[in-house]
Amino acid sequence: MCVLVHNSEIFYLATILCESLFGLLFAGAPIGIALAGATALLVIFDDFLTYSTLFEAFFSFLTKYTLVAIPFFIFAGFLMEKTGLVAGLFKFADALVGWVPGGFAYATLLAAVLFGAISGLSLIHISEPT
């Protein structure tokens, strides 16, 4: 079944989306809330989109394990920063190689390598020898 959409309707929906998004951002709402609110307004005003479409898109996101890992890595970084692990890691790396000329750069690189080893990110292990 082919659905014909007029350009004026697309312009109308784009206007609603942009105005609501920027209005919420300028009102001081967090980015996630502004995006969710603008999307909710778009779903309300668009006859083609339904709430079931949004839920299907959300649950199809949950089946992609690589995308689900992103919030967990962000949360792990938050925990490491709040507990002082990152500062301790950098102090340790600075104590090892800080005395070398250019030691700050070496300490930063060593801290990144140690962080990659702690977090279990395999791509960092691959790039270590280079």
N, C-alpha and C. Protein backbone atom coordinates (compact mmCIF):
# COMPACT_ATOMS: atom_id res chain seq x y z
N MET A 1 0.85 -1.17 0.00
CA MET A 1 0.00 0.00 0.00
C MET A 1 0.89 1.23 0.00
N CYS A 2 0.64 2.13 -0.88
CA CYS A 2 1.44 3.33 -1.02
C CYS A 2 0.74 4.50 -0.33
N VAL A 3 1.45 5.19 0.52
CA VAL A 3 0.89 6.34 1.22
C VAL A 3 1.52 7.60 0.64
N LEU A 4 0.68 8.48 0.15
CA LEU A 4 1.16 9.74 -0.42
C LEU A 4 1.17 10.80 0.67
N VAL A 5 2.29 11.45 0.83
CA VAL A 5 2.43 12.50 1.83
C VAL A 5 2.76 13.79 1.09
N HIS A 6 2.01 14.82 1.37
CA HIS A 6 2.25 16.10 0.73
C HIS A 6 3.41 16.82 1.39
N ASN A 7 4.09 17.66 0.64
CA ASN A 7 5.22 18.42 1.19
C ASN A 7 4.79 19.35 2.30
N SER A 8 3.59 19.89 2.24
CA SER A 8 3.13 20.79 3.29
C SER A 8 2.96 20.05 4.60
N GLU A 9 2.54 18.77 4.54
CA GLU A 9 2.40 18.00 5.77
C GLU A 9 3.76 17.69 6.39
N ILE A 10 4.74 17.39 5.57
CA ILE A 10 6.10 17.14 6.07
C ILE A 10 6.65 18.41 6.70
N PHE A 11 6.44 19.55 6.06
CA PHE A 11 6.91 20.82 6.61
C PHE A 11 6.22 21.11 7.94
N TYR A 12 4.93 20.82 8.01
CA TYR A 12 4.17 21.05 9.25
C TYR A 12 4.72 20.18 10.38
N LEU A 13 4.98 18.91 10.12
CA LEU A 13 5.50 18.01 11.15
C LEU A 13 6.93 18.38 11.54
N ALA A 14 7.74 18.78 10.56
CA ALA A 14 9.11 19.20 10.87
C ALA A 14 9.11 20.46 11.72
N THR A 15 8.17 21.36 11.44
CA THR A 15 8.06 22.59 12.23
C THR A 15 7.67 22.27 13.67
N ILE A 16 6.72 21.37 13.85
CA ILE A 16 6.31 20.97 15.20
C ILE A 16 7.49 20.34 15.95
N LEU A 17 8.21 19.46 15.27
CA LEU A 17 9.33 18.78 15.90
C LEU A 17 10.42 19.76 16.31
N CYS A 18 10.83 20.64 15.40
CA CYS A 18 11.91 21.59 15.70
C CYS A 18 11.51 22.61 16.75
N GLU A 19 10.30 23.16 16.64
CA GLU A 19 9.87 24.16 17.62
C GLU A 19 9.73 23.56 19.01
N SER A 20 9.18 22.36 19.10
CA SER A 20 9.03 21.76 20.43
C SER A 20 10.39 21.37 21.01
N LEU A 21 11.29 20.87 20.17
CA LEU A 21 12.62 20.48 20.66
C LEU A 21 13.39 21.70 21.16
N PHE A 22 13.47 22.74 20.34
CA PHE A 22 14.22 23.92 20.76
C PHE A 22 13.52 24.68 21.88
N GLY A 23 12.20 24.64 21.89
CA GLY A 23 11.46 25.27 22.99
C GLY A 23 11.76 24.60 24.32
N LEU A 24 11.78 23.27 24.32
CA LEU A 24 12.09 22.55 25.56
C LEU A 24 13.55 22.75 25.96
N LEU A 25 14.45 22.79 25.00
CA LEU A 25 15.87 23.01 25.33
C LEU A 25 16.10 24.40 25.89
N PHE A 26 15.47 25.41 25.29
CA PHE A 26 15.62 26.77 25.81
C PHE A 26 14.92 26.96 27.14
N ALA A 27 13.92 26.13 27.44
CA ALA A 27 13.26 26.19 28.74
C ALA A 27 14.10 25.56 29.83
N GLY A 28 15.16 24.86 29.44
CA GLY A 28 16.06 24.29 30.43
C GLY A 28 15.86 22.81 30.69
N ALA A 29 15.07 22.15 29.86
CA ALA A 29 14.86 20.72 30.04
C ALA A 29 16.12 19.96 29.62
N PRO A 30 16.41 18.85 30.27
CA PRO A 30 17.55 18.03 29.84
C PRO A 30 17.35 17.53 28.40
N ILE A 31 18.44 17.19 27.75
CA ILE A 31 18.38 16.81 26.34
C ILE A 31 17.50 15.59 26.12
N GLY A 32 17.61 14.60 26.98
CA GLY A 32 16.80 13.40 26.83
C GLY A 32 15.31 13.68 26.96
N ILE A 33 14.96 14.53 27.92
CA ILE A 33 13.55 14.89 28.12
C ILE A 33 13.05 15.71 26.93
N ALA A 34 13.90 16.62 26.41
CA ALA A 34 13.50 17.43 25.27
C ALA A 34 13.28 16.57 24.03
N LEU A 35 14.17 15.60 23.80
CA LEU A 35 13.99 14.70 22.66
C LEU A 35 12.74 13.84 22.81
N ALA A 36 12.49 13.34 24.02
CA ALA A 36 11.30 12.51 24.25
C ALA A 36 10.02 13.34 24.11
N GLY A 37 10.04 14.56 24.62
CA GLY A 37 8.86 15.41 24.51
C GLY A 37 8.56 15.81 23.08
N ALA A 38 9.60 16.15 22.32
CA ALA A 38 9.40 16.52 20.93
C ALA A 38 8.90 15.32 20.12
N THR A 39 9.41 14.14 20.42
CA THR A 39 8.94 12.94 19.73
C THR A 39 7.50 12.63 20.09
N ALA A 40 7.15 12.81 21.37
CA ALA A 40 5.77 12.57 21.78
C ALA A 40 4.81 13.53 21.08
N LEU A 41 5.20 14.79 20.96
CA LEU A 41 4.35 15.74 20.24
C LEU A 41 4.23 15.37 18.76
N LEU A 42 5.30 14.90 18.19
CA LEU A 42 5.25 14.49 16.78
C LEU A 42 4.31 13.30 16.60
N VAL A 43 4.34 12.35 17.53
CA VAL A 43 3.45 11.19 17.44
C VAL A 43 2.00 11.62 17.62
N ILE A 44 1.76 12.58 18.49
CA ILE A 44 0.39 13.05 18.71
C ILE A 44 -0.17 13.71 17.46
N PHE A 45 0.64 14.51 16.77
CA PHE A 45 0.14 15.26 15.62
C PHE A 45 0.22 14.50 14.30
N ASP A 46 0.99 13.42 14.24
CA ASP A 46 1.10 12.66 12.99
C ASP A 46 0.11 11.50 13.03
N ASP A 47 -0.67 11.38 11.96
CA ASP A 47 -1.66 10.31 11.90
C ASP A 47 -1.02 8.97 11.52
N PHE A 48 0.13 9.01 10.90
CA PHE A 48 0.77 7.79 10.43
C PHE A 48 1.48 7.05 11.56
N LEU A 49 2.08 7.78 12.49
CA LEU A 49 2.79 7.16 13.61
C LEU A 49 1.82 6.82 14.73
N THR A 50 2.07 5.71 15.38
CA THR A 50 1.28 5.33 16.54
C THR A 50 2.22 5.02 17.70
N TYR A 51 1.64 4.90 18.88
CA TYR A 51 2.47 4.57 20.04
C TYR A 51 3.05 3.17 19.93
N SER A 52 2.33 2.27 19.28
CA SER A 52 2.85 0.91 19.12
C SER A 52 4.11 0.91 18.25
N THR A 53 4.20 1.86 17.31
CA THR A 53 5.40 1.97 16.48
C THR A 53 6.60 2.34 17.34
N LEU A 54 6.39 3.25 18.28
CA LEU A 54 7.49 3.64 19.18
C LEU A 54 7.92 2.49 20.07
N PHE A 55 6.96 1.74 20.61
CA PHE A 55 7.32 0.62 21.47
C PHE A 55 8.02 -0.47 20.69
N GLU A 56 7.60 -0.71 19.46
CA GLU A 56 8.29 -1.70 18.63
C GLU A 56 9.72 -1.27 18.35
N ALA A 57 9.92 0.01 18.07
CA ALA A 57 11.28 0.50 17.83
C ALA A 57 12.13 0.38 19.08
N PHE A 58 11.55 0.67 20.24
CA PHE A 58 12.29 0.58 21.50
C PHE A 58 12.69 -0.85 21.79
N PHE A 59 11.78 -1.79 21.64
CA PHE A 59 12.10 -3.18 21.96
C PHE A 59 12.98 -3.82 20.90
N SER A 60 12.95 -3.34 19.68
CA SER A 60 13.91 -3.85 18.69
C SER A 60 15.32 -3.35 19.02
N PHE A 61 15.42 -2.18 19.69
CA PHE A 61 16.71 -1.68 20.16
C PHE A 61 17.29 -2.61 21.23
N LEU A 62 16.42 -3.17 22.07
CA LEU A 62 16.90 -4.03 23.15
C LEU A 62 17.44 -5.35 22.66
N THR A 63 17.10 -5.76 21.44
CA THR A 63 17.61 -7.02 20.93
C THR A 63 19.01 -6.87 20.33
N LYS A 64 19.48 -5.65 20.14
CA LYS A 64 20.82 -5.42 19.62
C LYS A 64 21.77 -5.24 20.81
N TYR A 65 22.50 -6.29 21.13
CA TYR A 65 23.30 -6.30 22.36
C TYR A 65 24.45 -5.29 22.32
N THR A 66 24.96 -4.99 21.14
CA THR A 66 26.04 -4.01 21.09
C THR A 66 25.55 -2.62 21.43
N LEU A 67 24.31 -2.30 21.07
CA LEU A 67 23.77 -0.99 21.42
C LEU A 67 23.36 -0.92 22.88
N VAL A 68 22.96 -2.04 23.45
CA VAL A 68 22.58 -2.06 24.86
C VAL A 68 23.82 -1.86 25.74
N ALA A 69 24.99 -2.24 25.25
CA ALA A 69 26.22 -2.12 26.04
C ALA A 69 26.64 -0.66 26.22
N ILE A 70 26.23 0.23 25.35
CA ILE A 70 26.66 1.63 25.42
C ILE A 70 26.26 2.28 26.75
N PRO A 71 25.00 2.19 27.21
CA PRO A 71 24.68 2.79 28.51
C PRO A 71 25.45 2.18 29.67
N PHE A 72 25.76 0.88 29.57
CA PHE A 72 26.53 0.25 30.65
C PHE A 72 27.97 0.76 30.68
N PHE A 73 28.57 1.02 29.53
CA PHE A 73 29.91 1.60 29.52
C PHE A 73 29.89 3.02 30.07
N ILE A 74 28.85 3.77 29.76
CA ILE A 74 28.73 5.13 30.31
C ILE A 74 28.58 5.06 31.82
N PHE A 75 27.76 4.14 32.31
CA PHE A 75 27.58 3.97 33.74
C PHE A 75 28.87 3.52 34.43
N ALA A 76 29.62 2.64 33.78
CA ALA A 76 30.90 2.20 34.35
C ALA A 76 31.88 3.35 34.43
N GLY A 77 31.93 4.20 33.40
CA GLY A 77 32.79 5.38 33.44
C GLY A 77 32.38 6.34 34.54
N PHE A 78 31.07 6.51 34.73
CA PHE A 78 30.57 7.37 35.80
C PHE A 78 30.99 6.83 37.16
N LEU A 79 30.84 5.53 37.36
CA LEU A 79 31.24 4.94 38.64
C LEU A 79 32.74 5.06 38.88
N MET A 80 33.53 4.84 37.84
CA MET A 80 34.98 4.94 38.00
C MET A 80 35.41 6.37 38.33
N GLU A 81 34.71 7.34 37.76
CA GLU A 81 35.07 8.74 38.04
C GLU A 81 34.64 9.13 39.45
N LYS A 82 33.46 8.69 39.89
CA LYS A 82 32.96 9.05 41.22
C LYS A 82 33.71 8.35 42.34
N THR A 83 34.20 7.14 42.10
CA THR A 83 34.92 6.42 43.14
C THR A 83 36.39 6.80 43.21
N GLY A 84 36.88 7.57 42.25
CA GLY A 84 38.27 7.99 42.26
C GLY A 84 39.21 7.01 41.58
N LEU A 85 38.67 6.01 40.91
CA LEU A 85 39.52 5.02 40.25
C LEU A 85 40.32 5.64 39.11
N VAL A 86 39.70 6.55 38.38
CA VAL A 86 40.39 7.17 37.24
C VAL A 86 41.56 8.03 37.73
N ALA A 87 41.34 8.79 38.81
CA ALA A 87 42.42 9.62 39.35
C ALA A 87 43.55 8.74 39.90
N GLY A 88 43.20 7.66 40.58
CA GLY A 88 44.22 6.75 41.08
C GLY A 88 44.98 6.06 39.97
N LEU A 89 44.27 5.73 38.90
CA LEU A 89 44.91 5.10 37.75
C LEU A 89 45.91 6.04 37.10
N PHE A 90 45.53 7.31 36.97
CA PHE A 90 46.45 8.27 36.37
C PHE A 90 47.63 8.56 37.29
N LYS A 91 47.40 8.63 38.60
CA LYS A 91 48.50 8.83 39.55
C LYS A 91 49.50 7.67 39.49
N PHE A 92 48.97 6.46 39.36
CA PHE A 92 49.84 5.29 39.24
C PHE A 92 50.66 5.36 37.96
N ALA A 93 50.01 5.70 36.85
CA ALA A 93 50.73 5.78 35.57
C ALA A 93 51.74 6.92 35.61
N ASP A 94 51.40 8.03 36.27
CA ASP A 94 52.33 9.15 36.38
C ASP A 94 53.53 8.78 37.25
N ALA A 95 53.30 7.97 38.27
CA ALA A 95 54.42 7.54 39.11
C ALA A 95 55.37 6.62 38.35
N LEU A 96 54.82 5.84 37.41
CA LEU A 96 55.67 4.92 36.65
C LEU A 96 56.50 5.63 35.60
N VAL A 97 55.89 6.53 34.84
CA VAL A 97 56.58 7.12 33.68
C VAL A 97 56.60 8.64 33.71
N GLY A 98 56.21 9.24 34.82
CA GLY A 98 56.17 10.70 34.88
C GLY A 98 57.53 11.37 34.87
N TRP A 99 58.56 10.66 35.26
CA TRP A 99 59.91 11.23 35.33
C TRP A 99 60.57 11.32 33.96
N VAL A 100 60.07 10.59 32.99
CA VAL A 100 60.63 10.59 31.63
C VAL A 100 60.27 11.91 30.95
N PRO A 101 61.19 12.48 30.13
CA PRO A 101 60.78 13.66 29.37
C PRO A 101 59.56 13.35 28.49
N GLY A 102 58.56 14.18 28.58
CA GLY A 102 57.29 13.90 27.92
C GLY A 102 56.47 12.88 28.69
N GLY A 103 56.74 12.80 29.97
CA GLY A 103 56.11 11.78 30.81
C GLY A 103 54.62 11.95 30.95
N PHE A 104 54.11 13.18 30.82
CA PHE A 104 52.66 13.40 30.93
C PHE A 104 51.93 12.68 29.80
N ALA A 105 52.50 12.75 28.60
CA ALA A 105 51.88 12.07 27.46
C ALA A 105 51.96 10.55 27.64
N TYR A 106 53.10 10.06 28.11
CA TYR A 106 53.23 8.62 28.36
C TYR A 106 52.29 8.16 29.47
N ALA A 107 52.16 8.99 30.50
CA ALA A 107 51.27 8.63 31.61
C ALA A 107 49.81 8.59 31.14
N THR A 108 49.44 9.52 30.27
CA THR A 108 48.09 9.51 29.73
C THR A 108 47.84 8.27 28.90
N LEU A 109 48.80 7.91 28.07
CA LEU A 109 48.67 6.71 27.25
C LEU A 109 48.62 5.46 28.11
N LEU A 110 49.47 5.38 29.12
CA LEU A 110 49.47 4.22 30.00
C LEU A 110 48.16 4.12 30.79
N ALA A 111 47.64 5.26 31.24
CA ALA A 111 46.35 5.25 31.95
C ALA A 111 45.23 4.77 31.03
N ALA A 112 45.26 5.16 29.75
CA ALA A 112 44.25 4.70 28.80
C ALA A 112 44.36 3.20 28.56
N VAL A 113 45.59 2.70 28.49
CA VAL A 113 45.79 1.26 28.30
C VAL A 113 45.29 0.50 29.52
N LEU A 114 45.61 0.98 30.72
CA LEU A 114 45.14 0.32 31.93
C LEU A 114 43.62 0.39 32.06
N PHE A 115 43.05 1.51 31.67
CA PHE A 115 41.59 1.64 31.70
C PHE A 115 40.95 0.64 30.73
N GLY A 116 41.55 0.49 29.57
CA GLY A 116 41.04 -0.49 28.62
C GLY A 116 41.15 -1.91 29.15
N ALA A 117 42.22 -2.20 29.87
CA ALA A 117 42.38 -3.53 30.44
C ALA A 117 41.37 -3.79 31.55
N ILE A 118 41.07 -2.75 32.34
CA ILE A 118 40.10 -2.90 33.42
C ILE A 118 38.69 -3.05 32.87
N SER A 119 38.35 -2.23 31.88
CA SER A 119 36.98 -2.24 31.38
C SER A 119 36.69 -3.44 30.50
N GLY A 120 37.71 -4.10 29.99
CA GLY A 120 37.49 -5.29 29.18
C GLY A 120 37.16 -5.00 27.74
N LEU A 121 37.44 -3.82 27.29
CA LEU A 121 37.14 -3.46 25.91
C LEU A 121 38.21 -4.05 25.00
N SER A 122 37.83 -4.97 24.15
CA SER A 122 38.82 -5.70 23.35
C SER A 122 39.46 -4.84 22.28
N LEU A 123 38.79 -3.80 21.81
CA LEU A 123 39.39 -2.96 20.78
C LEU A 123 40.60 -2.20 21.31
N ILE A 124 40.60 -1.87 22.58
CA ILE A 124 41.75 -1.18 23.16
C ILE A 124 42.93 -2.15 23.23
N HIS A 125 42.68 -3.41 23.53
CA HIS A 125 43.76 -4.40 23.57
C HIS A 125 44.37 -4.59 22.18
N ILE A 126 43.55 -4.51 21.15
CA ILE A 126 44.06 -4.66 19.79
C ILE A 126 44.96 -3.49 19.42
N SER A 127 44.61 -2.29 19.86
CA SER A 127 45.38 -1.11 19.47
C SER A 127 46.57 -0.84 20.40
N GLU A 128 46.77 -1.60 21.44
CA GLU A 128 47.88 -1.36 22.36
C GLU A 128 49.25 -1.45 21.71
N PRO A 129 49.57 -2.46 20.89
CA PRO A 129 50.93 -2.55 20.36
C PRO A 129 51.28 -1.43 19.39
N THR A 130 50.32 -0.78 18.79
CA THR A 130 50.64 0.25 17.79
C THR A 130 50.95 1.56 18.41
